[in-house]
Amino acid sequence: MNVLFLESQSDAPLRAFLEQQPHPYRLLAGEDRWLLVVEAASPETVAAGLALEGVRGWVFALEEEGCGRA
């Protein structure tokens, strides 16, 4: 599964991008930046996200998932 990370200094381009996407996501707010995490991102979603102006992006393949020690 591909996970797309997009970083921006404004939430506006990330929210506009999300309106067109069917994938599960998390939008995180920091002091001076926003981070969008899109799970199960399709190749089309990855390409569109990485092409956004003023947005930095990365794609990672999910290798492992868990909940830590019980």
Protein backbone atom coordinates (compact mmCIF):
# COMPACT_ATOMS: atom_id res chain seq x y z
CA MET A 1 0.00 0.00 0.00
CA ASN A 2 1.32 3.44 -0.93
CA VAL A 3 1.12 6.27 1.58
CA LEU A 4 1.41 9.81 0.22
CA PHE A 5 2.74 12.63 2.41
CA LEU A 6 2.19 16.24 1.30
CA GLU A 7 3.57 19.23 3.20
CA SER A 8 2.48 22.85 2.76
CA GLN A 9 2.66 26.14 4.65
CA SER A 10 -1.08 26.58 4.02
CA ASP A 11 -3.95 24.13 4.38
CA ALA A 12 -5.78 25.56 1.33
CA PRO A 13 -4.05 23.54 -1.43
CA LEU A 14 -4.25 20.38 0.64
CA ARG A 15 -7.97 20.79 1.34
CA ALA A 16 -8.66 21.55 -2.34
CA PHE A 17 -6.74 18.39 -3.27
CA LEU A 18 -8.75 16.32 -0.78
CA GLU A 19 -12.08 17.32 -2.31
CA GLN A 20 -11.17 15.24 -5.37
CA GLN A 21 -9.84 12.18 -3.56
CA PRO A 22 -11.67 9.05 -2.32
CA HIS A 23 -8.81 7.79 -0.12
CA PRO A 24 -8.57 7.74 3.69
CA TYR A 25 -6.45 10.63 4.96
CA ARG A 26 -5.17 12.55 7.98
CA LEU A 27 -4.54 16.29 7.94
CA LEU A 28 -2.05 17.38 10.61
CA ALA A 29 -1.41 20.98 11.69
CA GLY A 30 1.93 22.16 13.02
CA GLU A 31 3.03 25.60 14.15
CA ASP A 32 3.92 26.81 10.67
CA ARG A 33 3.00 23.98 8.30
CA TRP A 34 0.42 21.37 7.40
CA LEU A 35 1.01 17.69 6.64
CA LEU A 36 -1.45 15.59 4.70
CA VAL A 37 -1.18 11.80 4.92
CA VAL A 38 -3.16 9.92 2.26
CA GLU A 39 -3.43 6.17 2.79
CA ALA A 40 -3.88 3.61 0.00
CA ALA A 41 -3.04 6.29 -2.55
CA SER A 42 -3.58 5.26 -6.17
CA PRO A 43 -0.92 6.04 -8.79
CA GLU A 44 -3.17 8.82 -10.12
CA THR A 45 -3.51 10.36 -6.66
CA VAL A 46 0.24 10.20 -6.11
CA ALA A 47 0.94 11.91 -9.44
CA ALA A 48 -1.64 14.63 -8.79
CA GLY A 49 -0.36 15.27 -5.26
CA LEU A 50 3.28 15.46 -6.27
CA ALA A 51 2.37 17.96 -9.02
CA LEU A 52 0.74 20.46 -6.63
CA GLU A 53 2.39 23.88 -6.74
CA GLY A 54 3.96 25.03 -3.49
CA VAL A 55 3.61 21.58 -1.92
CA ARG A 56 6.41 19.15 -1.07
CA GLY A 57 5.59 15.47 -1.33
CA TRP A 58 6.89 11.98 -0.65
CA VAL A 59 5.55 8.46 -1.27
CA PHE A 60 6.31 5.49 0.95
CA ALA A 61 5.25 1.84 0.75
CA LEU A 62 3.72 0.57 3.98
CA GLU A 63 6.01 -2.20 5.25
CA GLU A 64 4.53 -2.97 8.64
CA GLU A 65 1.67 -1.93 10.87
CA GLY A 66 1.09 -2.59 14.55
CA CYS A 67 0.18 -1.14 17.92
CA GLY A 68 3.34 -1.60 19.97
CA ARG A 69 3.66 -3.55 23.20
CA ALA A 70 0.51 -4.72 24.92
